[in-house]
Protein backbone atom coordinates (compact mmCIF):
# COMPACT_ATOMS: atom_id res chain seq x y z
CA UNK A 1 20.76 24.15 59.69
CA UNK A 2 17.60 22.71 58.19
CA UNK A 3 15.55 20.17 60.09
CA UNK A 4 13.52 17.43 58.48
CA UNK A 5 9.83 17.09 59.23
CA UNK A 6 10.57 13.76 60.89
CA UNK A 7 13.04 15.45 63.29
CA UNK A 8 10.57 18.25 64.11
CA UNK A 9 7.80 15.73 64.79
CA UNK A 10 10.13 13.77 67.09
CA UNK A 11 11.11 16.91 69.05
CA UNK A 12 7.45 17.92 69.42
CA UNK A 13 6.54 14.46 70.73
CA UNK A 14 9.42 14.55 73.22
CA UNK A 15 8.45 17.99 74.55
CA UNK A 16 4.91 16.83 75.27
CA UNK A 17 6.10 14.14 77.67
CA UNK A 18 6.17 15.20 81.32
CA UNK A 19 6.88 11.97 83.23
CA UNK A 20 7.92 13.75 86.44
CA UNK A 21 4.50 15.35 86.89
CA UNK A 22 1.80 12.98 88.03
CA UNK A 23 -1.77 14.13 87.48
CA UNK A 24 -4.94 12.40 88.51
CA UNK A 25 -8.56 13.29 87.93
CA UNK A 26 -10.84 11.86 90.57
CA UNK A 27 -14.51 11.67 89.58
CA UNK A 28 -16.60 11.73 92.77
CA UNK A 29 -19.83 11.17 90.85
CA UNK A 30 -18.98 7.60 89.89
CA UNK A 31 -18.89 4.69 92.29
CA UNK A 32 -15.09 4.67 92.39
CA UNK A 33 -12.22 6.94 91.55
CA UNK A 34 -10.91 6.83 88.00
CA UNK A 35 -7.37 7.47 86.97
CA UNK A 36 -7.41 9.70 83.90
CA UNK A 37 -3.73 10.47 83.54
CA UNK A 38 -0.66 8.78 84.79
CA UNK A 39 2.55 7.76 83.05
CA UNK A 40 0.77 4.52 82.04
CA UNK A 41 -2.72 5.85 81.18
CA UNK A 42 -4.14 7.69 78.20
CA UNK A 43 -6.74 10.44 78.08
CA UNK A 44 -10.30 9.66 77.08
CA UNK A 45 -12.11 12.34 75.05
CA UNK A 46 -10.98 15.71 73.73
CA UNK A 47 -12.70 17.66 76.51
CA UNK A 48 -10.75 15.80 79.18
CA UNK A 49 -7.45 16.51 77.40
CA UNK A 50 -8.01 20.27 77.30
CA UNK A 51 -9.19 20.42 80.90
CA UNK A 52 -6.40 18.26 82.26
CA UNK A 53 -3.69 20.04 80.30
CA UNK A 54 -4.96 23.49 81.27
CA UNK A 55 -5.43 22.68 84.94
CA UNK A 56 -2.07 20.93 85.05
CA UNK A 57 -0.57 24.16 83.73
CA UNK A 58 -2.37 26.22 86.40
CA UNK A 59 -1.15 23.89 89.18
CA UNK A 60 2.42 23.79 87.89
CA UNK A 61 2.61 27.57 87.38
CA UNK A 62 1.19 28.20 90.85
CA UNK A 63 4.09 26.32 92.43
CA UNK A 64 6.64 27.61 89.91
CA UNK A 65 5.85 31.25 90.68
CA UNK A 66 6.47 30.72 94.39
CA UNK A 67 9.73 28.89 93.65
CA UNK A 68 10.93 31.35 91.00
CA UNK A 69 14.27 33.09 91.49
CA UNK A 70 12.48 36.27 90.37
CA UNK A 71 10.41 36.10 93.56
CA UNK A 72 12.94 37.73 95.92
CA UNK A 73 11.92 39.28 99.25
CA UNK A 74 14.16 41.46 101.40
CA UNK A 75 17.22 39.24 101.85
CA UNK A 76 16.27 35.86 100.34
CA UNK A 77 14.06 34.06 97.85
CA UNK A 78 10.37 33.77 98.72
CA UNK A 79 10.54 29.96 98.72
CA UNK A 80 13.29 30.04 101.36
CA UNK A 81 11.22 32.38 103.56
CA UNK A 82 8.25 30.05 103.10
CA UNK A 83 10.33 26.95 103.92
CA UNK A 84 11.62 28.53 107.14
CA UNK A 85 8.10 29.52 108.21
CA UNK A 86 6.69 26.08 107.42
CA UNK A 87 9.56 24.23 109.11
CA UNK A 88 9.11 26.38 112.23
CA UNK A 89 5.43 25.36 112.22
CA UNK A 90 6.17 21.63 111.93
CA UNK A 91 7.40 21.09 108.37
CA UNK A 92 4.08 20.69 106.58
CA UNK A 93 1.37 23.16 105.59
CA UNK A 94 -1.95 22.98 103.77
CA UNK A 95 -3.03 26.17 102.01
CA UNK A 96 -6.66 26.89 101.11
CA UNK A 97 -6.25 28.87 97.90
CA UNK A 98 -9.80 30.20 97.83
CA UNK A 99 -9.83 31.43 101.43
CA UNK A 100 -6.18 32.52 101.57
CA UNK A 101 -5.57 30.63 104.82
CA UNK A 102 -3.25 27.86 105.94
CA UNK A 103 -3.15 25.06 108.48
CA UNK A 104 -1.16 25.44 110.59
CA UNK A 105 -1.32 29.22 110.67
CA UNK A 106 2.09 30.58 109.68
CA UNK A 107 3.97 33.62 111.03
CA UNK A 108 3.92 36.90 109.09
CA UNK A 109 6.32 36.06 106.23
CA UNK A 110 4.62 32.70 105.71
CA UNK A 111 1.16 34.27 105.91
CA UNK A 112 2.16 36.84 103.25
CA UNK A 113 3.25 34.04 100.91
CA UNK A 114 -0.01 32.17 101.52
CA UNK A 115 -1.86 35.32 100.44
CA UNK A 116 0.42 35.60 97.40
CA UNK A 117 -0.38 32.02 96.34
CA UNK A 118 -4.07 32.71 96.81
CA UNK A 119 -3.99 35.98 94.86
CA UNK A 120 -2.27 34.60 91.73
CA UNK A 121 -4.73 31.72 91.24
CA UNK A 122 -7.48 33.77 89.48
CA UNK A 123 -4.99 35.23 86.97
CA UNK A 124 -3.57 31.77 86.20
CA UNK A 125 -7.09 30.40 85.66
CA UNK A 126 -7.97 33.28 83.33
CA UNK A 127 -4.74 32.80 81.38
CA UNK A 128 -5.78 29.20 80.66
CA UNK A 129 -9.30 30.26 79.60
CA UNK A 130 -11.22 29.45 82.78
CA UNK A 131 -13.51 31.74 84.73
CA UNK A 132 -11.84 32.62 88.06
CA UNK A 133 -14.85 31.28 89.96
CA UNK A 134 -14.91 27.85 88.24
CA UNK A 135 -13.24 26.20 91.24
CA UNK A 136 -15.21 25.17 94.31
CA UNK A 137 -12.04 24.19 96.19
CA UNK A 138 -8.32 24.66 95.76
CA UNK A 139 -5.66 23.34 98.11
CA UNK A 140 -1.87 23.23 98.05
CA UNK A 141 0.06 21.07 100.49
CA UNK A 142 3.78 21.61 101.01
CA UNK A 143 5.98 19.12 102.84
CA UNK A 144 9.46 20.41 103.67
CA UNK A 145 10.26 17.26 105.71
CA UNK A 146 11.60 15.16 102.86
CA UNK A 147 14.44 12.67 102.91
CA UNK A 148 16.14 14.63 100.12
CA UNK A 149 18.76 17.19 101.21
CA UNK A 150 18.46 20.89 100.44
CA UNK A 151 20.82 21.90 97.66
CA UNK A 152 22.22 25.08 96.13
CA UNK A 153 20.10 27.41 98.25
CA UNK A 154 16.87 25.60 97.32
CA UNK A 155 14.90 23.67 99.94
CA UNK A 156 13.76 20.15 99.10
CA UNK A 157 9.99 19.79 99.22
CA UNK A 158 7.00 17.88 97.95
CA UNK A 159 3.96 19.80 96.76
CA UNK A 160 0.47 18.51 96.05
CA UNK A 161 -2.01 20.81 94.31
CA UNK A 162 -5.66 19.76 94.43
CA UNK A 163 -8.21 21.69 92.36
CA UNK A 164 -11.92 20.84 92.49
CA UNK A 165 -14.03 22.20 89.66
CA UNK A 166 -17.77 22.69 89.48
CA UNK A 167 -19.40 19.36 88.75
CA UNK A 168 -17.31 17.43 91.27
CA UNK A 169 -14.16 16.78 89.24
CA UNK A 170 -11.00 16.89 91.33
CA UNK A 171 -7.58 17.30 89.75
CA UNK A 172 -4.45 16.43 91.74
CA UNK A 173 -0.91 17.33 90.66
CA UNK A 174 2.13 16.13 92.61
CA UNK A 175 5.33 18.17 92.23
CA UNK A 176 8.70 18.62 93.90
CA UNK A 177 11.61 21.04 93.64
CA UNK A 178 13.02 18.75 90.92
CA UNK A 179 10.27 19.48 88.37
CA UNK A 180 9.69 23.16 89.14
CA UNK A 181 11.89 25.50 87.26
């Protein structure tokens, strides 16, 4: 089957839309926070587009690798082990990606997954063309206390990835189990 150029252009435009991922860039150097990307906003400048797209990819892939069905430990998926550890510690956790620590401190299986998240960040940054040390802060917050029910062996969760680059730019990506995969 042959596709027209109009059809190909339409498909390419549709694939670029990611309405379920919300991304914000907060500029701490200005007097107030600016919204650089939301479903209603547009990017300003080619440099911002590349940075936002690349860091959005890093943030999304960080969460996707933890939630992947290829990430299987002992008797269950890594995400299920992580959800049990986090729920036992209160349902919410904040992971410092640069230090490899979490608050609250998780038991062994949860601590191993925190280290896994921390260890894959440099490779994801390099894959997108960034130096591994370009971040001054990196945090991931998981909330397994959502109003959505768990389904098909996958826990319901909300995830917020916050990456702060040199120069004070902070990028925030909000994800859930619905847009990982």
